[in-house]
Structure formats: structure tokens, C-alpha cells
Amino acid sequence: MRVTVVGSGTVVPRLDRRQSCVVVNCGGETIALDLGAGAIHGMLHAGLDPFSLDRIFFTHLHPDHTSELIPLLFSTNYSDPANPRERPLMLAGPEGFAKFWDLIGQAYNGWLSGDYQATLELPVQHSEQREFGGYHLSWAPAQHRPESIAYRIEEPGGESLVYTGDTEYSESVVDLARGAHTMIVECSFPDDSPVPGHLTPKGVAGMAREAGVSRVVLTHIFPPADELDLVSEVGRGYAGEVIVASDGLELTL
């Protein structure tokens, strides 16, 4: 499993951190987890082809996690005129995503899709896990927005990856992450200035320690948290490996 943190930032505009996006290559597919502003150019900078995506899984509906969907869909129509995309692009999201998708379609009046189809898969409205041939996907509620979910991806006989999206301390995300190798987890604000719906270094450490994950990768970092030594801050309560994500960070599981 190869993982690229395409965007490690937040809603705050920054030159060095794009909005939330992680790309995972596993099971013969290329998957995006969230698609915030700058994701397309971030993929290009990381040597990834944004038109190669097979599936996109969204954690919630905030713009800094969804706003690049429209540019991606529209630009896919012009990716290669000599060899246009024909296979479907599968989209999945939490409760409310179907309405969100319908409103996008109404607003753009059919402009977004061409020869290919963007097809919905809505995991929250079905079971809480699914097999996709080359990997297993599961999810659980996160404590941020009412619709927020976190994802876990596992390859048969391989390591597992958890992506929290935005969340504060959440027992359901801890349960989802138990025994995982890597947890890509938001670390938004310092411990002395917490914000509801988000994690601080102490919260990250607690969740990672309770879940027994081997490695945490910190993302969704607001500027005040970026001024801290986050490795040391999280390390006060967690003995595993701590990595502070930057845009383009590549990991192998």
C-alpha cells in the first residue's frame, strides 16, 4: 500500500499546505480520501495522475474536504481527447452526500460528466464495511459534523491504514483504528486552545495510545499548531512513531 498526503492543511489559505486530501494506491486501485482545494495540482506535484482515480471517499461535506470535486469532474472531460475516460469514477460519502451530489448536478446542468460516469456509492446507507476485491474498507462515526465518518483500509495479509478526517476525541474512531499500523489523524490546534470538533496533540496521543496504532501521521494542521514541536507534543502521551505531514509526503505500508 502506497500513501501520499496530497493536502495537509485546513480551510486557512496557505502556500505550503493544501486542503485535505490523501491518495492511496492499494488493491490495484487509486483512491482519494477527501478532495479539498488544491488537490489536483497537489497530485501533479507528487507525480500522481489525478485522472487515474478509481474511487473517492469523503469524510464529511465541509468545503475544505470536497471543493476540488467539481474541478476534477469537469477537467476529466478534457484529460486526453484521443483517449477519453470511459470507466466510471466511483464516489462515496456519508449521510447527506446524495443530496450534495444532486445539487451539484442541478447547478452545473450536466456539464460535469462526459463519456464516463461518476457513480455514487454511499457506505453509511449500507453496511459499515465493504470488500473491493483487492482491499477491505470499513468506517465509523467521527465527532465533527453530524455526518462525519473515518475510514480504515486493509489489504489482505497487509497492514491497515486509518484516516480520521476531522474529529475530536471519538471512541468509535479509536475502535475503528485498533491495531492499525498507520493512523493519519488531524491535529488542528494547541492543547491550550482547543476547538470543538477538532483534536489537539494530547487528544491525538490519547486516541493513538488507546487504539494501539504503530504510527501516527499528523495532518489538518492550523497555523497555531504548526508553530509547535508536534512530534514532542504528541510524544508526551504516545510511544509510537510520530510524523508531521507535509504536502507530498509519501508512505509505504
C-alpha atoms as a PDB file:
ATOM      1  CA  MET A   1       0.000   0.000   0.000  1.00  0.00           C
ATOM      2  CA  ARG A   2       1.413   3.370  -1.035  1.00  0.00           C
ATOM      3  CA  VAL A   3       0.071   6.522   0.584  1.00  0.00           C
ATOM      4  CA  THR A   4       0.581  10.154  -0.421  1.00  0.00           C
ATOM      5  CA  VAL A   5      -0.546  13.074   1.710  1.00  0.00           C
ATOM      6  CA  VAL A   6      -1.551  15.486  -1.054  1.00  0.00           C
ATOM      7  CA  GLY A   7      -3.006  18.149   1.229  1.00  0.00           C
ATOM      8  CA  SER A   8      -2.148  18.538   4.915  1.00  0.00           C
ATOM      9  CA  GLY A   9      -3.762  21.897   5.600  1.00  0.00           C
ATOM     10  CA  THR A  10      -7.099  23.358   6.563  1.00  0.00           C
ATOM     11  CA  VAL A  11      -9.599  25.975   5.492  1.00  0.00           C
ATOM     12  CA  VAL A  12      -6.922  28.636   6.196  1.00  0.00           C
ATOM     13  CA  PRO A  13      -5.251  29.513   2.837  1.00  0.00           C
ATOM     14  CA  ARG A  14      -1.536  28.706   2.828  1.00  0.00           C
ATOM     15  CA  LEU A  15       1.109  28.303   0.162  1.00  0.00           C
ATOM     16  CA  ASP A  16       2.746  25.352   1.894  1.00  0.00           C
ATOM     17  CA  ARG A  17      -0.337  23.333   2.862  1.00  0.00           C
ATOM     18  CA  ARG A  18      -3.201  22.496   0.529  1.00  0.00           C
ATOM     19  CA  GLN A  19      -6.575  21.461   1.870  1.00  0.00           C
ATOM     20  CA  SER A  20      -7.334  17.898   2.915  1.00  0.00           C
ATOM     21  CA  CYS A  21      -6.554  15.071   0.504  1.00  0.00           C
ATOM     22  CA  VAL A  22      -4.826  11.696   0.823  1.00  0.00           C
ATOM     23  CA  VAL A  23      -4.237   9.350  -2.120  1.00  0.00           C
ATOM     24  CA  VAL A  24      -3.867   5.601  -1.534  1.00  0.00           C
ATOM     25  CA  ASN A  25      -2.683   3.032  -4.071  1.00  0.00           C
ATOM     26  CA  CYS A  26      -3.825  -0.407  -2.983  1.00  0.00           C
ATOM     27  CA  GLY A  27      -5.514  -3.481  -4.333  1.00  0.00           C
ATOM     28  CA  GLY A  28      -4.936  -2.378  -7.904  1.00  0.00           C
ATOM     29  CA  GLU A  29      -6.855   0.869  -7.426  1.00  0.00           C
ATOM     30  CA  THR A  30      -6.057   4.526  -6.840  1.00  0.00           C
ATOM     31  CA  ILE A  31      -8.220   6.009  -4.099  1.00  0.00           C
ATOM     32  CA  ALA A  32      -8.623   9.565  -2.830  1.00  0.00           C
ATOM     33  CA  LEU A  33      -9.707  10.266   0.724  1.00  0.00           C
ATOM     34  CA  ASP A  34     -11.263  13.751   0.647  1.00  0.00           C
ATOM     35  CA  LEU A  35     -10.643  16.269  -2.100  1.00  0.00           C
ATOM     36  CA  GLY A  36     -10.047  19.773  -0.756  1.00  0.00           C
ATOM     37  CA  ALA A  37      -8.906  22.799  -2.733  1.00  0.00           C
ATOM     38  CA  GLY A  38      -5.573  22.318  -4.492  1.00  0.00           C
ATOM     39  CA  ALA A  39      -5.836  18.535  -4.682  1.00  0.00           C
ATOM     40  CA  ILE A  40      -5.441  18.330  -8.459  1.00  0.00           C
ATOM     41  CA  HIS A  41      -2.233  20.380  -8.554  1.00  0.00           C
ATOM     42  CA  GLY A  42      -1.047  18.641  -5.390  1.00  0.00           C
ATOM     43  CA  MET A  43      -1.332  15.276  -7.116  1.00  0.00           C
ATOM     44  CA  LEU A  44       0.596  16.579 -10.090  1.00  0.00           C
ATOM     45  CA  HIS A  45       3.352  17.917  -7.810  1.00  0.00           C
ATOM     46  CA  ALA A  46       3.545  14.488  -6.163  1.00  0.00           C
ATOM     47  CA  GLY A  47       3.853  12.706  -9.515  1.00  0.00           C
ATOM     48  CA  LEU A  48       0.305  11.353  -9.381  1.00  0.00           C
ATOM     49  CA  ASP A  49      -2.205  11.425 -12.212  1.00  0.00           C
ATOM     50  CA  PRO A  50      -5.468  12.952 -10.925  1.00  0.00           C
ATOM     51  CA  PHE A  51      -7.332  11.324 -13.803  1.00  0.00           C
ATOM     52  CA  SER A  52      -6.247   7.859 -12.680  1.00  0.00           C
ATOM     53  CA  LEU A  53      -8.508   7.905  -9.612  1.00  0.00           C
ATOM     54  CA  ASP A  54     -10.854   4.948  -9.360  1.00  0.00           C
ATOM     55  CA  ARG A  55     -12.739   5.952  -6.210  1.00  0.00           C
ATOM     56  CA  ILE A  56     -13.109   8.968  -3.936  1.00  0.00           C
ATOM     57  CA  PHE A  57     -14.244   8.549  -0.329  1.00  0.00           C
ATOM     58  CA  PHE A  58     -15.365  11.701   1.501  1.00  0.00           C
ATOM     59  CA  THR A  59     -15.385  12.006   5.291  1.00  0.00           C
ATOM     60  CA  HIS A  60     -17.837  14.927   5.515  1.00  0.00           C
ATOM     61  CA  LEU A  61     -19.242  17.780   3.469  1.00  0.00           C
ATOM     62  CA  HIS A  62     -17.195  20.793   4.545  1.00  0.00           C
ATOM     63  CA  PRO A  63     -15.748  22.674   1.524  1.00  0.00           C
ATOM     64  CA  ASP A  64     -12.118  22.122   2.555  1.00  0.00           C
ATOM     65  CA  HIS A  65     -12.737  18.395   2.070  1.00  0.00           C
ATOM     66  CA  THR A  66     -14.956  18.473  -1.043  1.00  0.00           C
ATOM     67  CA  SER A  67     -14.270  21.629  -3.067  1.00  0.00           C
ATOM     68  CA  GLU A  68     -11.947  20.072  -5.675  1.00  0.00           C
ATOM     69  CA  LEU A  69     -14.590  17.564  -6.756  1.00  0.00           C
ATOM     70  CA  ILE A  70     -16.167  19.942  -9.261  1.00  0.00           C
ATOM     71  CA  PRO A  71     -12.877  20.914 -10.983  1.00  0.00           C
ATOM     72  CA  LEU A  72     -11.821  17.250 -11.108  1.00  0.00           C
ATOM     73  CA  LEU A  73     -15.054  16.065 -12.693  1.00  0.00           C
ATOM     74  CA  PHE A  74     -15.091  18.882 -15.242  1.00  0.00           C
ATOM     75  CA  SER A  75     -11.418  18.583 -16.174  1.00  0.00           C
ATOM     76  CA  THR A  76     -11.689  14.814 -16.583  1.00  0.00           C
ATOM     77  CA  ASN A  77     -13.678  15.500 -19.748  1.00  0.00           C
ATOM     78  CA  TYR A  78     -10.534  17.064 -21.227  1.00  0.00           C
ATOM     79  CA  SER A  79      -7.864  14.769 -19.787  1.00  0.00           C
ATOM     80  CA  ASP A  80      -6.952  13.081 -23.085  1.00  0.00           C
ATOM     81  CA  PRO A  81      -9.133  13.869 -26.142  1.00  0.00           C
ATOM     82  CA  ALA A  82      -7.558  10.972 -28.058  1.00  0.00           C
ATOM     83  CA  ASN A  83      -8.288   8.511 -25.256  1.00  0.00           C
ATOM     84  CA  PRO A  84     -11.200   9.810 -23.178  1.00  0.00           C
ATOM     85  CA  ARG A  85     -12.043   8.168 -19.891  1.00  0.00           C
ATOM     86  CA  GLU A  86     -14.823   5.625 -20.203  1.00  0.00           C
ATOM     87  CA  ARG A  87     -14.669   3.694 -16.945  1.00  0.00           C
ATOM     88  CA  PRO A  88     -16.800   5.128 -14.120  1.00  0.00           C
ATOM     89  CA  LEU A  89     -15.406   7.204 -11.283  1.00  0.00           C
ATOM     90  CA  MET A  90     -16.919   5.884  -8.067  1.00  0.00           C
ATOM     91  CA  LEU A  91     -17.851   8.409  -5.384  1.00  0.00           C
ATOM     92  CA  ALA A  92     -18.734   7.565  -1.788  1.00  0.00           C
ATOM     93  CA  GLY A  93     -19.667   9.764   1.104  1.00  0.00           C
ATOM     94  CA  PRO A  94     -21.522   9.937   4.378  1.00  0.00           C
ATOM     95  CA  GLU A  95     -25.169  10.661   5.064  1.00  0.00           C
ATOM     96  CA  GLY A  96     -26.253  13.687   3.041  1.00  0.00           C
ATOM     97  CA  PHE A  97     -23.792  13.095   0.238  1.00  0.00           C
ATOM     98  CA  ALA A  98     -26.526  12.008  -2.186  1.00  0.00           C
ATOM     99  CA  LYS A  99     -28.307  15.349  -1.763  1.00  0.00           C
ATOM    100  CA  PHE A 100     -24.998  17.197  -2.102  1.00  0.00           C
ATOM    101  CA  TRP A 101     -24.315  15.308  -5.352  1.00  0.00           C
ATOM    102  CA  ASP A 102     -27.791  16.014  -6.692  1.00  0.00           C
ATOM    103  CA  LEU A 103     -27.439  19.747  -6.023  1.00  0.00           C
ATOM    104  CA  ILE A 104     -24.082  19.845  -7.815  1.00  0.00           C
ATOM    105  CA  GLY A 105     -25.681  18.182 -10.812  1.00  0.00           C
ATOM    106  CA  GLN A 106     -28.503  20.712 -10.848  1.00  0.00           C
ATOM    107  CA  ALA A 107     -26.144  23.664 -10.515  1.00  0.00           C
ATOM    108  CA  TYR A 108     -23.949  22.574 -13.442  1.00  0.00           C
ATOM    109  CA  ASN A 109     -26.751  21.148 -15.564  1.00  0.00           C
ATOM    110  CA  GLY A 110     -24.897  18.076 -16.813  1.00  0.00           C
ATOM    111  CA  TRP A 111     -21.581  19.806 -17.610  1.00  0.00           C
ATOM    112  CA  LEU A 112     -19.508  17.760 -15.189  1.00  0.00           C
ATOM    113  CA  SER A 113     -19.728  14.279 -16.719  1.00  0.00           C
ATOM    114  CA  GLY A 114     -18.835  13.352 -20.264  1.00  0.00           C
ATOM    115  CA  ASP A 115     -18.263   9.882 -21.717  1.00  0.00           C
ATOM    116  CA  TYR A 116     -17.542   8.487 -18.274  1.00  0.00           C
ATOM    117  CA  GLN A 117     -19.983   8.259 -15.390  1.00  0.00           C
ATOM    118  CA  ALA A 118     -19.470   9.498 -11.861  1.00  0.00           C
ATOM    119  CA  THR A 119     -21.383   6.902  -9.857  1.00  0.00           C
ATOM    120  CA  LEU A 120     -22.442   7.130  -6.231  1.00  0.00           C
ATOM    121  CA  GLU A 121     -21.654   4.555  -3.545  1.00  0.00           C
ATOM    122  CA  LEU A 122     -22.999   5.572  -0.164  1.00  0.00           C
ATOM    123  CA  PRO A 123     -21.416   3.484   2.604  1.00  0.00           C
ATOM    124  CA  VAL A 124     -23.360   4.916   5.520  1.00  0.00           C
ATOM    125  CA  GLN A 125     -26.626   3.842   3.941  1.00  0.00           C
ATOM    126  CA  HIS A 126     -25.410   0.271   3.637  1.00  0.00           C
ATOM    127  CA  SER A 127     -23.185  -1.891   5.831  1.00  0.00           C
ATOM    128  CA  GLU A 128     -20.250  -0.469   7.754  1.00  0.00           C
ATOM    129  CA  GLN A 129     -17.719  -2.426   5.723  1.00  0.00           C
ATOM    130  CA  ARG A 130     -17.206  -3.468   2.147  1.00  0.00           C
ATOM    131  CA  GLU A 131     -14.888  -5.615   0.078  1.00  0.00           C
ATOM    132  CA  PHE A 132     -13.461  -4.097  -3.086  1.00  0.00           C
ATOM    133  CA  GLY A 133     -11.584  -7.121  -4.405  1.00  0.00           C
ATOM    134  CA  GLY A 134      -8.072  -6.003  -3.565  1.00  0.00           C
ATOM    135  CA  TYR A 135      -8.818  -4.328  -0.239  1.00  0.00           C
ATOM    136  CA  HIS A 136     -11.284  -4.096   2.620  1.00  0.00           C
ATOM    137  CA  LEU A 137     -12.935  -0.811   3.596  1.00  0.00           C
ATOM    138  CA  SER A 138     -14.628  -0.075   6.894  1.00  0.00           C
ATOM    139  CA  TRP A 139     -15.792   3.135   8.548  1.00  0.00           C
ATOM    140  CA  ALA A 140     -17.184   4.587  11.756  1.00  0.00           C
ATOM    141  CA  PRO A 141     -18.699   7.858  13.001  1.00  0.00           C
ATOM    142  CA  ALA A 142     -16.298  10.705  13.843  1.00  0.00           C
ATOM    143  CA  GLN A 143     -17.034  13.582  16.201  1.00  0.00           C
ATOM    144  CA  HIS A 144     -17.059  16.657  13.985  1.00  0.00           C
ATOM    145  CA  ARG A 145     -20.139  17.163  11.828  1.00  0.00           C
ATOM    146  CA  PRO A 146     -23.251  15.003  12.268  1.00  0.00           C
ATOM    147  CA  GLU A 147     -22.407  13.168   9.036  1.00  0.00           C
ATOM    148  CA  SER A 148     -18.657  12.799   9.680  1.00  0.00           C
ATOM    149  CA  ILE A 149     -17.023   9.392   9.300  1.00  0.00           C
ATOM    150  CA  ALA A 150     -13.495   7.972   9.448  1.00  0.00           C
ATOM    151  CA  TYR A 151     -12.197   5.207   7.153  1.00  0.00           C
ATOM    152  CA  ARG A 152      -9.992   2.146   7.516  1.00  0.00           C
ATOM    153  CA  ILE A 153      -8.358   0.440   4.523  1.00  0.00           C
ATOM    154  CA  GLU A 154      -6.752  -3.021   4.699  1.00  0.00           C
ATOM    155  CA  GLU A 155      -5.146  -5.189   2.056  1.00  0.00           C
ATOM    156  CA  PRO A 156      -5.347  -8.977   2.510  1.00  0.00           C
ATOM    157  CA  GLY A 157      -2.342 -10.055   4.525  1.00  0.00           C
ATOM    158  CA  GLY A 158      -1.081  -6.475   4.695  1.00  0.00           C
ATOM    159  CA  GLU A 159      -1.061  -3.536   7.042  1.00  0.00           C
ATOM    160  CA  SER A 160      -4.016  -1.258   7.670  1.00  0.00           C
ATOM    161  CA  LEU A 161      -4.449   2.497   7.280  1.00  0.00           C
ATOM    162  CA  VAL A 162      -6.915   4.689   9.165  1.00  0.00           C
ATOM    163  CA  TYR A 163      -7.857   8.191   8.040  1.00  0.00           C
ATOM    164  CA  THR A 164      -9.798  10.119  10.669  1.00  0.00           C
ATOM    165  CA  GLY A 165     -10.910  13.137   8.684  1.00  0.00           C
ATOM    166  CA  ASP A 166     -11.873  15.898  11.091  1.00  0.00           C
ATOM    167  CA  THR A 167     -12.735  14.738  14.598  1.00  0.00           C
ATOM    168  CA  GLU A 168     -12.314  15.416  18.282  1.00  0.00           C
ATOM    169  CA  TYR A 169     -11.767  12.503  20.673  1.00  0.00           C
ATOM    170  CA  SER A 170     -14.032   9.701  19.442  1.00  0.00           C
ATOM    171  CA  GLU A 171     -14.403   6.220  20.914  1.00  0.00           C
ATOM    172  CA  SER A 172     -15.818   4.971  17.618  1.00  0.00           C
ATOM    173  CA  VAL A 173     -12.683   6.116  15.770  1.00  0.00           C
ATOM    174  CA  VAL A 174     -10.493   4.511  18.448  1.00  0.00           C
ATOM    175  CA  ASP A 175     -12.355   1.237  17.916  1.00  0.00           C
ATOM    176  CA  LEU A 176     -12.005   1.573  14.141  1.00  0.00           C
ATOM    177  CA  ALA A 177      -8.246   2.131  14.484  1.00  0.00           C
ATOM    178  CA  ARG A 178      -7.450  -0.698  16.908  1.00  0.00           C
ATOM    179  CA  GLY A 179      -4.244  -2.453  15.903  1.00  0.00           C
ATOM    180  CA  ALA A 180      -3.808  -0.432  12.721  1.00  0.00           C
ATOM    181  CA  HIS A 181      -0.297   0.275  11.512  1.00  0.00           C
ATOM    182  CA  THR A 182      -0.786   3.905  10.497  1.00  0.00           C
ATOM    183  CA  MET A 183      -3.384   6.478  11.512  1.00  0.00           C
ATOM    184  CA  ILE A 184      -3.495   9.698   9.500  1.00  0.00           C
ATOM    185  CA  VAL A 185      -5.072  11.925  12.096  1.00  0.00           C
ATOM    186  CA  GLU A 186      -5.972  15.561  12.293  1.00  0.00           C
ATOM    187  CA  CYS A 187      -4.030  17.683  14.794  1.00  0.00           C
ATOM    188  CA  SER A 188      -5.595  21.076  14.412  1.00  0.00           C
ATOM    189  CA  PHE A 189      -4.921  23.208  17.486  1.00  0.00           C
ATOM    190  CA  PRO A 190      -2.623  23.504  20.524  1.00  0.00           C
ATOM    191  CA  ASP A 191      -3.636  21.899  23.807  1.00  0.00           C
ATOM    192  CA  ASP A 192      -4.159  25.289  25.444  1.00  0.00           C
ATOM    193  CA  SER A 193      -6.611  26.500  22.786  1.00  0.00           C
ATOM    194  CA  PRO A 194      -8.820  23.556  21.773  1.00  0.00           C
ATOM    195  CA  VAL A 195     -11.710  23.956  19.349  1.00  0.00           C
ATOM    196  CA  PRO A 196     -14.768  21.670  19.465  1.00  0.00           C
ATOM    197  CA  GLY A 197     -14.793  19.073  16.718  1.00  0.00           C
ATOM    198  CA  HIS A 198     -11.009  19.002  16.397  1.00  0.00           C
ATOM    199  CA  LEU A 199      -8.010  17.354  18.038  1.00  0.00           C
ATOM    200  CA  THR A 200      -5.009  18.742  19.877  1.00  0.00           C
ATOM    201  CA  PRO A 201      -1.697  16.883  20.410  1.00  0.00           C
ATOM    202  CA  LYS A 202      -2.930  15.482  23.728  1.00  0.00           C
ATOM    203  CA  GLY A 203      -6.097  14.179  22.089  1.00  0.00           C
ATOM    204  CA  VAL A 204      -4.128  12.611  19.255  1.00  0.00           C
ATOM    205  CA  ALA A 205      -1.841  10.884  21.749  1.00  0.00           C
ATOM    206  CA  GLY A 206      -4.755   9.528  23.741  1.00  0.00           C
ATOM    207  CA  MET A 207      -6.562   8.108  20.743  1.00  0.00           C
ATOM    208  CA  ALA A 208      -3.405   6.602  19.236  1.00  0.00           C
ATOM    209  CA  ARG A 209      -2.355   5.053  22.554  1.00  0.00           C
ATOM    210  CA  GLU A 210      -5.788   3.547  23.218  1.00  0.00           C
ATOM    211  CA  ALA A 211      -6.065   2.200  19.668  1.00  0.00           C
ATOM    212  CA  GLY A 212      -2.565   0.697  19.802  1.00  0.00           C
ATOM    213  CA  VAL A 213      -1.544   2.039  16.408  1.00  0.00           C
ATOM    214  CA  SER A 214       2.125   1.815  15.429  1.00  0.00           C
ATOM    215  CA  ARG A 215       2.417   5.188  13.723  1.00  0.00           C
ATOM    216  CA  VAL A 216       0.533   8.473  13.571  1.00  0.00           C
ATOM    217  CA  VAL A 217       0.784  10.977  10.745  1.00  0.00           C
ATOM    218  CA  LEU A 218      -0.437  14.421  11.754  1.00  0.00           C
ATOM    219  CA  THR A 219      -2.428  16.433   9.232  1.00  0.00           C
ATOM    220  CA  HIS A 220      -5.113  19.152   9.018  1.00  0.00           C
ATOM    221  CA  ILE A 221      -2.778  21.485  10.892  1.00  0.00           C
ATOM    222  CA  PHE A 222      -3.865  25.057  11.605  1.00  0.00           C
ATOM    223  CA  PRO A 223      -1.108  27.718  11.828  1.00  0.00           C
ATOM    224  CA  PRO A 224      -1.041  27.922  15.672  1.00  0.00           C
ATOM    225  CA  ALA A 225      -0.387  24.176  15.907  1.00  0.00           C
ATOM    226  CA  ASP A 226       2.231  24.405  13.168  1.00  0.00           C
ATOM    227  CA  GLU A 227       4.334  26.604  15.442  1.00  0.00           C
ATOM    228  CA  LEU A 228       4.697  23.739  17.940  1.00  0.00           C
ATOM    229  CA  ASP A 229       7.100  20.814  18.016  1.00  0.00           C
ATOM    230  CA  LEU A 230       4.223  18.442  17.335  1.00  0.00           C
ATOM    231  CA  VAL A 231       6.374  15.312  17.445  1.00  0.00           C
ATOM    232  CA  SER A 232       7.371  16.125  21.027  1.00  0.00           C
ATOM    233  CA  GLU A 233       3.890  17.307  21.981  1.00  0.00           C
ATOM    234  CA  VAL A 234       2.227  14.084  20.836  1.00  0.00           C
ATOM    235  CA  GLY A 235       5.164  12.011  22.125  1.00  0.00           C
ATOM    236  CA  ARG A 236       4.415  13.035  25.702  1.00  0.00           C
ATOM    237  CA  GLY A 237       1.454  10.658  25.694  1.00  0.00           C
ATOM    238  CA  TYR A 238       2.200   8.222  22.890  1.00  0.00           C
ATOM    239  CA  ALA A 239       5.237   5.984  22.437  1.00  0.00           C
ATOM    240  CA  GLY A 240       4.823   5.128  18.756  1.00  0.00           C
ATOM    241  CA  GLU A 241       6.245   6.832  15.691  1.00  0.00           C
ATOM    242  CA  VAL A 242       5.005  10.383  15.045  1.00  0.00           C
ATOM    243  CA  ILE A 243       5.296  12.080  11.659  1.00  0.00           C
ATOM    244  CA  VAL A 244       4.158  15.610  10.896  1.00  0.00           C
ATOM    245  CA  ALA A 245       2.755  15.520   7.374  1.00  0.00           C
ATOM    246  CA  SER A 246       3.797  17.931   4.681  1.00  0.00           C
ATOM    247  CA  ASP A 247       2.229  18.127   1.243  1.00  0.00           C
ATOM    248  CA  GLY A 248       3.664  15.377  -0.920  1.00  0.00           C
ATOM    249  CA  LEU A 249       4.690  13.114   1.972  1.00  0.00           C
ATOM    250  CA  GLU A 250       4.915   9.522   0.747  1.00  0.00           C
ATOM    251  CA  LEU A 251       4.493   6.466   2.973  1.00  0.00           C
ATOM    252  CA  THR A 252       4.604   2.736   2.374  1.00  0.00           C
ATOM    253  CA  LEU A 253       2.713   0.218   4.480  1.00  0.00           C
END
